[in-house]
């Protein structure tokens, strides 16, 4: 069991660091092994993760460096891999775009998929964490789709296609979020719907041409949404992905048939 949180603020000059810190604090019961936050500041990623509790991992000088209006947070309870700091999340790959993942759950075929990544996809898997498998399969599928569709491709459709590939290949119970740098925040849940993930919104402090803007949030539990002053919208459904692009547009889709009994 892990705790995950993702926030996208409409105001590019705002910072999510304190909000993610506070959200992870109320999700601390979901994992006490390690904590991590990644933020995106106008295309530049800032990452801090370490073994320990939220209050110990993030000191003032760390928080100052975690700038940006867009980010992920994670508290870890190790159910796969080891307790190494290298396996603390969020995890990051630079290609394509710069993608980070925060994930809660277990892949039952993680070892097989890690070998698939190494031998067939040419992607380096550096840890025993199944989250790294989720990250690399998504990244590989996304770049292949972008290459196939060309420069005029629909990025939202590319993301849905990559999530669909993840759900087809990755067996088990999981929920997670991808931060695609400069592109979107993505929340997703496996076809079994075993692991929880919810979505919340609130009115942004910033308006555009007199039109109200919206801040968005995903979290493992609604307690984090309530604590940060967001309104609970709903659970992400089994096999569903919700994409929130940086311009605040929301796209949602069931990527596969559900497998609930």
C-alpha atoms as a PDB file:
ATOM      1  CA  UNK A   1       0.000   0.000   0.000  1.00  0.00           C
ATOM      2  CA  UNK A   2       1.363   3.398  -1.036  1.00  0.00           C
ATOM      3  CA  UNK A   3       0.006   6.930  -1.102  1.00  0.00           C
ATOM      4  CA  UNK A   4      -0.007   8.964  -4.313  1.00  0.00           C
ATOM      5  CA  UNK A   5      -0.983  12.499  -5.197  1.00  0.00           C
ATOM      6  CA  UNK A   6      -0.852  14.612  -8.347  1.00  0.00           C
ATOM      7  CA  UNK A   7      -1.776  18.290  -8.731  1.00  0.00           C
ATOM      8  CA  UNK A   8      -2.020  20.647 -11.703  1.00  0.00           C
ATOM      9  CA  UNK A   9      -2.633  24.319 -10.914  1.00  0.00           C
ATOM     10  CA  UNK A  10      -4.004  26.644 -13.582  1.00  0.00           C
ATOM     11  CA  UNK A  11      -1.750  29.507 -12.449  1.00  0.00           C
ATOM     12  CA  UNK A  12       1.705  28.957 -13.969  1.00  0.00           C
ATOM     13  CA  UNK A  13       3.205  31.241 -11.321  1.00  0.00           C
ATOM     14  CA  UNK A  14       1.812  29.163  -8.436  1.00  0.00           C
ATOM     15  CA  UNK A  15       3.689  26.367  -6.681  1.00  0.00           C
ATOM     16  CA  UNK A  16       2.387  22.938  -5.694  1.00  0.00           C
ATOM     17  CA  UNK A  17       5.213  21.985  -3.314  1.00  0.00           C
ATOM     18  CA  UNK A  18       3.471  22.833  -0.024  1.00  0.00           C
ATOM     19  CA  UNK A  19       0.174  21.363  -1.201  1.00  0.00           C
ATOM     20  CA  UNK A  20       1.788  18.064  -2.158  1.00  0.00           C
ATOM     21  CA  UNK A  21       3.697  18.023   1.147  1.00  0.00           C
ATOM     22  CA  UNK A  22       0.465  18.532   3.101  1.00  0.00           C
ATOM     23  CA  UNK A  23      -1.328  15.929   1.017  1.00  0.00           C
ATOM     24  CA  UNK A  24       1.406  13.362   1.582  1.00  0.00           C
ATOM     25  CA  UNK A  25       1.326  14.094   5.292  1.00  0.00           C
ATOM     26  CA  UNK A  26      -2.323  13.051   5.544  1.00  0.00           C
ATOM     27  CA  UNK A  27      -1.558   9.999   3.381  1.00  0.00           C
ATOM     28  CA  UNK A  28       1.448   9.043   5.533  1.00  0.00           C
ATOM     29  CA  UNK A  29      -0.459   6.064   6.990  1.00  0.00           C
ATOM     30  CA  UNK A  30      -0.277   4.474   3.513  1.00  0.00           C
ATOM     31  CA  UNK A  31       3.523   4.272   3.569  1.00  0.00           C
ATOM     32  CA  UNK A  32       6.334   5.157   5.968  1.00  0.00           C
ATOM     33  CA  UNK A  33       9.350   3.704   4.138  1.00  0.00           C
ATOM     34  CA  UNK A  34      10.135   6.583   1.756  1.00  0.00           C
ATOM     35  CA  UNK A  35       8.688   9.796   0.357  1.00  0.00           C
ATOM     36  CA  UNK A  36       9.191  11.779  -2.828  1.00  0.00           C
ATOM     37  CA  UNK A  37       7.969  14.823  -4.733  1.00  0.00           C
ATOM     38  CA  UNK A  38       8.617  15.908  -8.316  1.00  0.00           C
ATOM     39  CA  UNK A  39       7.504  19.275  -9.692  1.00  0.00           C
ATOM     40  CA  UNK A  40       7.549  20.837 -13.133  1.00  0.00           C
ATOM     41  CA  UNK A  41       8.466  24.501 -13.438  1.00  0.00           C
ATOM     42  CA  UNK A  42       7.943  25.781 -16.989  1.00  0.00           C
ATOM     43  CA  UNK A  43       9.410  22.613 -18.441  1.00  0.00           C
ATOM     44  CA  UNK A  44      12.123  21.979 -15.840  1.00  0.00           C
ATOM     45  CA  UNK A  45      11.714  19.100 -13.415  1.00  0.00           C
ATOM     46  CA  UNK A  46      12.714  19.250  -9.736  1.00  0.00           C
ATOM     47  CA  UNK A  47      12.866  15.986  -7.759  1.00  0.00           C
ATOM     48  CA  UNK A  48      13.465  15.119  -4.129  1.00  0.00           C
ATOM     49  CA  UNK A  49      13.027  11.631  -2.675  1.00  0.00           C
ATOM     50  CA  UNK A  50      14.579   9.745   0.213  1.00  0.00           C
ATOM     51  CA  UNK A  51      13.893   7.029   2.769  1.00  0.00           C
ATOM     52  CA  UNK A  52      11.977   8.310   5.773  1.00  0.00           C
ATOM     53  CA  UNK A  53       8.812  10.111   6.775  1.00  0.00           C
ATOM     54  CA  UNK A  54       7.463  13.124   4.902  1.00  0.00           C
ATOM     55  CA  UNK A  55       8.409  15.527   7.698  1.00  0.00           C
ATOM     56  CA  UNK A  56      12.010  14.280   7.663  1.00  0.00           C
ATOM     57  CA  UNK A  57      12.577  13.937   3.913  1.00  0.00           C
ATOM     58  CA  UNK A  58      11.536  17.501   3.029  1.00  0.00           C
ATOM     59  CA  UNK A  59      13.408  20.255   4.823  1.00  0.00           C
ATOM     60  CA  UNK A  60      13.003  23.947   4.028  1.00  0.00           C
ATOM     61  CA  UNK A  61      15.842  24.036   1.498  1.00  0.00           C
ATOM     62  CA  UNK A  62      14.333  21.069  -0.331  1.00  0.00           C
ATOM     63  CA  UNK A  63      10.922  22.720  -0.494  1.00  0.00           C
ATOM     64  CA  UNK A  64      12.393  25.922  -1.899  1.00  0.00           C
ATOM     65  CA  UNK A  65      13.856  23.923  -4.776  1.00  0.00           C
ATOM     66  CA  UNK A  66      10.567  22.141  -5.568  1.00  0.00           C
ATOM     67  CA  UNK A  67       9.136  24.942  -7.684  1.00  0.00           C
ATOM     68  CA  UNK A  68       6.362  24.674 -10.254  1.00  0.00           C
ATOM     69  CA  UNK A  69       2.597  24.521 -10.702  1.00  0.00           C
ATOM     70  CA  UNK A  70       2.467  20.838 -11.588  1.00  0.00           C
ATOM     71  CA  UNK A  71       3.702  17.810  -9.666  1.00  0.00           C
ATOM     72  CA  UNK A  72       3.454  14.326  -8.166  1.00  0.00           C
ATOM     73  CA  UNK A  73       4.006  13.005  -4.674  1.00  0.00           C
ATOM     74  CA  UNK A  74       4.446   9.510  -3.243  1.00  0.00           C
ATOM     75  CA  UNK A  75       4.794   7.783   0.121  1.00  0.00           C
ATOM     76  CA  UNK A  76       6.066   4.227  -0.119  1.00  0.00           C
ATOM     77  CA  UNK A  77       5.300   1.010   1.640  1.00  0.00           C
ATOM     78  CA  UNK A  78       7.555  -1.579  -0.050  1.00  0.00           C
ATOM     79  CA  UNK A  79       5.480  -4.435  -1.464  1.00  0.00           C
ATOM     80  CA  UNK A  80       7.813  -5.193  -4.394  1.00  0.00           C
ATOM     81  CA  UNK A  81      11.538  -4.678  -4.843  1.00  0.00           C
ATOM     82  CA  UNK A  82      13.563  -3.467  -1.874  1.00  0.00           C
ATOM     83  CA  UNK A  83      13.704  -0.570   0.558  1.00  0.00           C
ATOM     84  CA  UNK A  84      16.506   1.110  -1.395  1.00  0.00           C
ATOM     85  CA  UNK A  85      16.211   4.853  -1.916  1.00  0.00           C
ATOM     86  CA  UNK A  86      16.698   4.162  -5.632  1.00  0.00           C
ATOM     87  CA  UNK A  87      13.241   2.609  -5.606  1.00  0.00           C
ATOM     88  CA  UNK A  88      11.592   5.563  -3.872  1.00  0.00           C
ATOM     89  CA  UNK A  89       9.118   7.346  -6.107  1.00  0.00           C
ATOM     90  CA  UNK A  90       8.363   9.273  -8.212  1.00  0.00           C
ATOM     91  CA  UNK A  91      10.514   7.549 -10.817  1.00  0.00           C
ATOM     92  CA  UNK A  92      11.731   9.397 -13.920  1.00  0.00           C
ATOM     93  CA  UNK A  93      12.764   8.716 -17.491  1.00  0.00           C
ATOM     94  CA  UNK A  94      13.964  11.494 -19.762  1.00  0.00           C
ATOM     95  CA  UNK A  95      12.640  10.071 -23.037  1.00  0.00           C
ATOM     96  CA  UNK A  96      10.231  11.062 -24.407  1.00  0.00           C
ATOM     97  CA  UNK A  97       9.456  14.510 -22.978  1.00  0.00           C
ATOM     98  CA  UNK A  98      10.530  13.689 -19.424  1.00  0.00           C
ATOM     99  CA  UNK A  99       7.988  11.378 -17.774  1.00  0.00           C
ATOM    100  CA  UNK A 100       7.515  10.602 -14.076  1.00  0.00           C
ATOM    101  CA  UNK A 101       5.328   7.983 -12.434  1.00  0.00           C
ATOM    102  CA  UNK A 102       3.796   7.625  -8.982  1.00  0.00           C
ATOM    103  CA  UNK A 103       2.168   4.231  -8.527  1.00  0.00           C
ATOM    104  CA  UNK A 104       0.303   2.229  -5.895  1.00  0.00           C
ATOM    105  CA  UNK A 105      -0.139  -1.506  -6.336  1.00  0.00           C
ATOM    106  CA  UNK A 106       1.566  -4.637  -7.598  1.00  0.00           C
ATOM    107  CA  UNK A 107       2.250  -6.130 -10.996  1.00  0.00           C
ATOM    108  CA  UNK A 108       2.031  -9.908 -10.916  1.00  0.00           C
ATOM    109  CA  UNK A 109       4.126 -10.234 -14.088  1.00  0.00           C
ATOM    110  CA  UNK A 110       6.723  -7.565 -13.238  1.00  0.00           C
ATOM    111  CA  UNK A 111       9.761  -9.837 -13.659  1.00  0.00           C
ATOM    112  CA  UNK A 112       8.603 -10.995 -17.077  1.00  0.00           C
ATOM    113  CA  UNK A 113       7.916  -7.418 -18.180  1.00  0.00           C
ATOM    114  CA  UNK A 114      11.291  -6.219 -16.921  1.00  0.00           C
ATOM    115  CA  UNK A 115      12.956  -8.787 -19.183  1.00  0.00           C
ATOM    116  CA  UNK A 116      10.699  -7.677 -22.043  1.00  0.00           C
ATOM    117  CA  UNK A 117      11.831  -4.068 -21.518  1.00  0.00           C
ATOM    118  CA  UNK A 118      15.499  -5.050 -21.504  1.00  0.00           C
ATOM    119  CA  UNK A 119      15.496  -7.593 -24.312  1.00  0.00           C
ATOM    120  CA  UNK A 120      12.806  -6.351 -26.686  1.00  0.00           C
ATOM    121  CA  UNK A 121      12.401  -2.640 -26.061  1.00  0.00           C
ATOM    122  CA  UNK A 122      16.028  -1.743 -25.413  1.00  0.00           C
ATOM    123  CA  UNK A 123      15.096   0.098 -22.222  1.00  0.00           C
ATOM    124  CA  UNK A 124      17.230  -0.097 -19.102  1.00  0.00           C
ATOM    125  CA  UNK A 125      15.510  -1.287 -15.926  1.00  0.00           C
ATOM    126  CA  UNK A 126      17.728  -0.284 -13.036  1.00  0.00           C
ATOM    127  CA  UNK A 127      15.763  -1.529 -10.012  1.00  0.00           C
ATOM    128  CA  UNK A 128      13.476  -4.352  -8.929  1.00  0.00           C
ATOM    129  CA  UNK A 129      10.555  -1.933  -8.655  1.00  0.00           C
ATOM    130  CA  UNK A 130       7.466  -2.781 -10.705  1.00  0.00           C
ATOM    131  CA  UNK A 131       6.814   0.961 -10.927  1.00  0.00           C
ATOM    132  CA  UNK A 132       9.848   1.271 -13.182  1.00  0.00           C
ATOM    133  CA  UNK A 133       8.251  -1.282 -15.488  1.00  0.00           C
ATOM    134  CA  UNK A 134       5.034   0.776 -15.605  1.00  0.00           C
ATOM    135  CA  UNK A 135       7.081   3.839 -16.462  1.00  0.00           C
ATOM    136  CA  UNK A 136       9.155   2.297 -19.224  1.00  0.00           C
ATOM    137  CA  UNK A 137       6.347   0.455 -20.970  1.00  0.00           C
ATOM    138  CA  UNK A 138       4.327   3.665 -21.064  1.00  0.00           C
ATOM    139  CA  UNK A 139       7.274   5.727 -22.323  1.00  0.00           C
ATOM    140  CA  UNK A 140       8.158   3.197 -25.017  1.00  0.00           C
ATOM    141  CA  UNK A 141       4.577   2.978 -26.261  1.00  0.00           C
ATOM    142  CA  UNK A 142       4.205   6.748 -26.298  1.00  0.00           C
ATOM    143  CA  UNK A 143       7.309   7.411 -28.393  1.00  0.00           C
ATOM    144  CA  UNK A 144       6.436   4.627 -30.828  1.00  0.00           C
ATOM    145  CA  UNK A 145       2.969   6.085 -31.321  1.00  0.00           C
ATOM    146  CA  UNK A 146       4.391   9.594 -31.782  1.00  0.00           C
ATOM    147  CA  UNK A 147       6.907   8.323 -34.325  1.00  0.00           C
ATOM    148  CA  UNK A 148       4.218   6.433 -36.231  1.00  0.00           C
ATOM    149  CA  UNK A 149       1.717   9.309 -36.317  1.00  0.00           C
ATOM    150  CA  UNK A 150       4.240  12.060 -37.127  1.00  0.00           C
ATOM    151  CA  UNK A 151       4.589  15.676 -36.070  1.00  0.00           C
ATOM    152  CA  UNK A 152       0.883  16.464 -36.518  1.00  0.00           C
ATOM    153  CA  UNK A 153      -0.251  13.670 -34.218  1.00  0.00           C
ATOM    154  CA  UNK A 154      -2.941  14.110 -31.564  1.00  0.00           C
ATOM    155  CA  UNK A 155      -1.038  13.990 -28.280  1.00  0.00           C
ATOM    156  CA  UNK A 156      -4.097  13.067 -26.239  1.00  0.00           C
ATOM    157  CA  UNK A 157      -4.780  10.073 -28.480  1.00  0.00           C
ATOM    158  CA  UNK A 158      -1.130   9.073 -28.191  1.00  0.00           C
ATOM    159  CA  UNK A 159      -1.400   9.085 -24.406  1.00  0.00           C
ATOM    160  CA  UNK A 160      -4.591   7.037 -24.385  1.00  0.00           C
ATOM    161  CA  UNK A 161      -2.944   4.531 -26.730  1.00  0.00           C
ATOM    162  CA  UNK A 162       0.092   4.254 -24.427  1.00  0.00           C
ATOM    163  CA  UNK A 163      -2.089   3.725 -21.347  1.00  0.00           C
ATOM    164  CA  UNK A 164      -4.016   1.060 -23.235  1.00  0.00           C
ATOM    165  CA  UNK A 165      -0.736  -0.745 -23.935  1.00  0.00           C
ATOM    166  CA  UNK A 166       0.174  -0.533 -20.243  1.00  0.00           C
ATOM    167  CA  UNK A 167      -3.165  -2.051 -19.248  1.00  0.00           C
ATOM    168  CA  UNK A 168      -2.879  -4.842 -21.802  1.00  0.00           C
ATOM    169  CA  UNK A 169       0.618  -5.844 -20.711  1.00  0.00           C
ATOM    170  CA  UNK A 170       0.676  -5.097 -16.983  1.00  0.00           C
ATOM    171  CA  UNK A 171      -1.246  -7.633 -14.898  1.00  0.00           C
ATOM    172  CA  UNK A 172      -2.237  -7.075 -11.296  1.00  0.00           C
ATOM    173  CA  UNK A 173      -3.885  -4.396  -9.224  1.00  0.00           C
ATOM    174  CA  UNK A 174      -2.589  -0.845  -9.589  1.00  0.00           C
ATOM    175  CA  UNK A 175      -3.481   2.813  -9.775  1.00  0.00           C
ATOM    176  CA  UNK A 176      -1.130   5.597 -10.688  1.00  0.00           C
ATOM    177  CA  UNK A 177      -0.281   8.897 -12.264  1.00  0.00           C
ATOM    178  CA  UNK A 178       2.053  10.008 -15.021  1.00  0.00           C
ATOM    179  CA  UNK A 179       3.510  13.495 -15.208  1.00  0.00           C
ATOM    180  CA  UNK A 180       4.409  14.174 -18.831  1.00  0.00           C
ATOM    181  CA  UNK A 181       6.603  17.247 -18.746  1.00  0.00           C
ATOM    182  CA  UNK A 182       5.153  20.164 -20.663  1.00  0.00           C
ATOM    183  CA  UNK A 183       2.148  18.091 -21.722  1.00  0.00           C
ATOM    184  CA  UNK A 184      -0.260  16.631 -19.165  1.00  0.00           C
ATOM    185  CA  UNK A 185      -1.114  14.999 -15.854  1.00  0.00           C
ATOM    186  CA  UNK A 186      -2.555  11.501 -16.283  1.00  0.00           C
ATOM    187  CA  UNK A 187      -4.445   9.415 -13.720  1.00  0.00           C
ATOM    188  CA  UNK A 188      -5.210   5.750 -14.401  1.00  0.00           C
ATOM    189  CA  UNK A 189      -6.585   2.612 -12.776  1.00  0.00           C
ATOM    190  CA  UNK A 190      -6.211  -1.026 -13.807  1.00  0.00           C
ATOM    191  CA  UNK A 191      -9.173  -3.002 -15.221  1.00  0.00           C
ATOM    192  CA  UNK A 192      -9.795  -4.780 -11.900  1.00  0.00           C
ATOM    193  CA  UNK A 193     -10.281  -1.494 -10.029  1.00  0.00           C
ATOM    194  CA  UNK A 194      -8.645  -2.889  -6.890  1.00  0.00           C
ATOM    195  CA  UNK A 195      -6.468   0.080  -5.895  1.00  0.00           C
ATOM    196  CA  UNK A 196      -8.153   3.394  -5.075  1.00  0.00           C
ATOM    197  CA  UNK A 197      -7.672   6.692  -6.886  1.00  0.00           C
ATOM    198  CA  UNK A 198      -9.962   9.729  -6.807  1.00  0.00           C
ATOM    199  CA  UNK A 199     -10.182  13.055  -8.622  1.00  0.00           C
ATOM    200  CA  UNK A 200     -10.879  16.495  -7.189  1.00  0.00           C
ATOM    201  CA  UNK A 201     -11.205  20.060  -8.458  1.00  0.00           C
ATOM    202  CA  UNK A 202     -11.321  23.575  -7.114  1.00  0.00           C
ATOM    203  CA  UNK A 203     -11.681  27.060  -8.523  1.00  0.00           C
ATOM    204  CA  UNK A 204      -8.291  28.528  -9.354  1.00  0.00           C
ATOM    205  CA  UNK A 205      -7.127  31.802  -7.855  1.00  0.00           C
ATOM    206  CA  UNK A 206      -6.386  32.894 -11.435  1.00  0.00           C
ATOM    207  CA  UNK A 207      -8.909  33.791 -14.144  1.00  0.00           C
ATOM    208  CA  UNK A 208      -8.368  34.140 -17.899  1.00  0.00           C
ATOM    209  CA  UNK A 209     -10.195  36.961 -19.716  1.00  0.00           C
ATOM    210  CA  UNK A 210     -12.809  36.984 -16.982  1.00  0.00           C
ATOM    211  CA  UNK A 211     -13.311  33.204 -17.168  1.00  0.00           C
ATOM    212  CA  UNK A 212     -12.772  31.105 -14.069  1.00  0.00           C
ATOM    213  CA  UNK A 213     -10.034  28.473 -14.304  1.00  0.00           C
ATOM    214  CA  UNK A 214      -9.843  25.136 -12.505  1.00  0.00           C
ATOM    215  CA  UNK A 215      -7.160  23.371 -10.486  1.00  0.00           C
ATOM    216  CA  UNK A 216      -7.086  19.570 -10.654  1.00  0.00           C
ATOM    217  CA  UNK A 217      -5.939  16.856  -8.306  1.00  0.00           C
ATOM    218  CA  UNK A 218      -5.662  13.060  -8.110  1.00  0.00           C
ATOM    219  CA  UNK A 219      -5.056  11.185  -4.856  1.00  0.00           C
ATOM    220  CA  UNK A 220      -5.210   7.741  -3.266  1.00  0.00           C
ATOM    221  CA  UNK A 221      -7.843   8.889  -0.794  1.00  0.00           C
ATOM    222  CA  UNK A 222     -10.382  11.680  -0.539  1.00  0.00           C
ATOM    223  CA  UNK A 223      -8.889  12.815   2.784  1.00  0.00           C
ATOM    224  CA  UNK A 224      -6.079  14.489   0.826  1.00  0.00           C
ATOM    225  CA  UNK A 225      -8.570  16.210  -1.454  1.00  0.00           C
ATOM    226  CA  UNK A 226     -10.564  17.482   1.523  1.00  0.00           C
ATOM    227  CA  UNK A 227      -7.457  18.649   3.373  1.00  0.00           C
ATOM    228  CA  UNK A 228      -6.285  20.767   0.430  1.00  0.00           C
ATOM    229  CA  UNK A 229      -9.652  22.432  -0.104  1.00  0.00           C
ATOM    230  CA  UNK A 230     -10.573  20.587  -3.274  1.00  0.00           C
ATOM    231  CA  UNK A 231     -14.019  19.165  -4.003  1.00  0.00           C
ATOM    232  CA  UNK A 232     -14.261  15.433  -4.573  1.00  0.00           C
ATOM    233  CA  UNK A 233     -15.494  14.734  -8.108  1.00  0.00           C
ATOM    234  CA  UNK A 234     -15.437  10.935  -8.276  1.00  0.00           C
ATOM    235  CA  UNK A 235     -13.328   7.781  -8.346  1.00  0.00           C
ATOM    236  CA  UNK A 236     -11.403   7.001 -11.491  1.00  0.00           C
ATOM    237  CA  UNK A 237     -13.212   3.968 -12.885  1.00  0.00           C
ATOM    238  CA  UNK A 238     -11.590   0.574 -13.513  1.00  0.00           C
ATOM    239  CA  UNK A 239      -9.597   0.640 -16.790  1.00  0.00           C
ATOM    240  CA  UNK A 240     -10.121   4.403 -17.072  1.00  0.00           C
ATOM    241  CA  UNK A 241      -7.509   7.062 -17.790  1.00  0.00           C
ATOM    242  CA  UNK A 242      -8.099  10.760 -17.231  1.00  0.00           C
ATOM    243  CA  UNK A 243      -5.774  13.181 -19.008  1.00  0.00           C
ATOM    244  CA  UNK A 244      -5.543  16.807 -17.907  1.00  0.00           C
ATOM    245  CA  UNK A 245      -3.520  18.849 -20.375  1.00  0.00           C
ATOM    246  CA  UNK A 246      -1.639  21.936 -19.258  1.00  0.00           C
ATOM    247  CA  UNK A 247      -4.304  24.182 -20.799  1.00  0.00           C
ATOM    248  CA  UNK A 248      -6.821  22.706 -18.336  1.00  0.00           C
ATOM    249  CA  UNK A 249      -8.736  20.490 -20.733  1.00  0.00           C
ATOM    250  CA  UNK A 250      -9.955  17.156 -19.359  1.00  0.00           C
ATOM    251  CA  UNK A 251     -10.093  13.995 -21.464  1.00  0.00           C
ATOM    252  CA  UNK A 252     -11.337  10.653 -20.127  1.00  0.00           C
ATOM    253  CA  UNK A 253     -11.704   7.166 -21.558  1.00  0.00           C
ATOM    254  CA  UNK A 254     -12.108   3.529 -20.601  1.00  0.00           C
ATOM    255  CA  UNK A 255      -9.027   2.032 -22.208  1.00  0.00           C
ATOM    256  CA  UNK A 256     -10.044  -1.643 -21.834  1.00  0.00           C
ATOM    257  CA  UNK A 257     -13.112  -3.616 -20.749  1.00  0.00           C
ATOM    258  CA  UNK A 258     -13.281  -3.847 -16.981  1.00  0.00           C
ATOM    259  CA  UNK A 259     -12.495  -7.136 -15.234  1.00  0.00           C
ATOM    260  CA  UNK A 260     -14.479  -6.745 -12.043  1.00  0.00           C
ATOM    261  CA  UNK A 261     -16.209  -9.904 -10.830  1.00  0.00           C
END
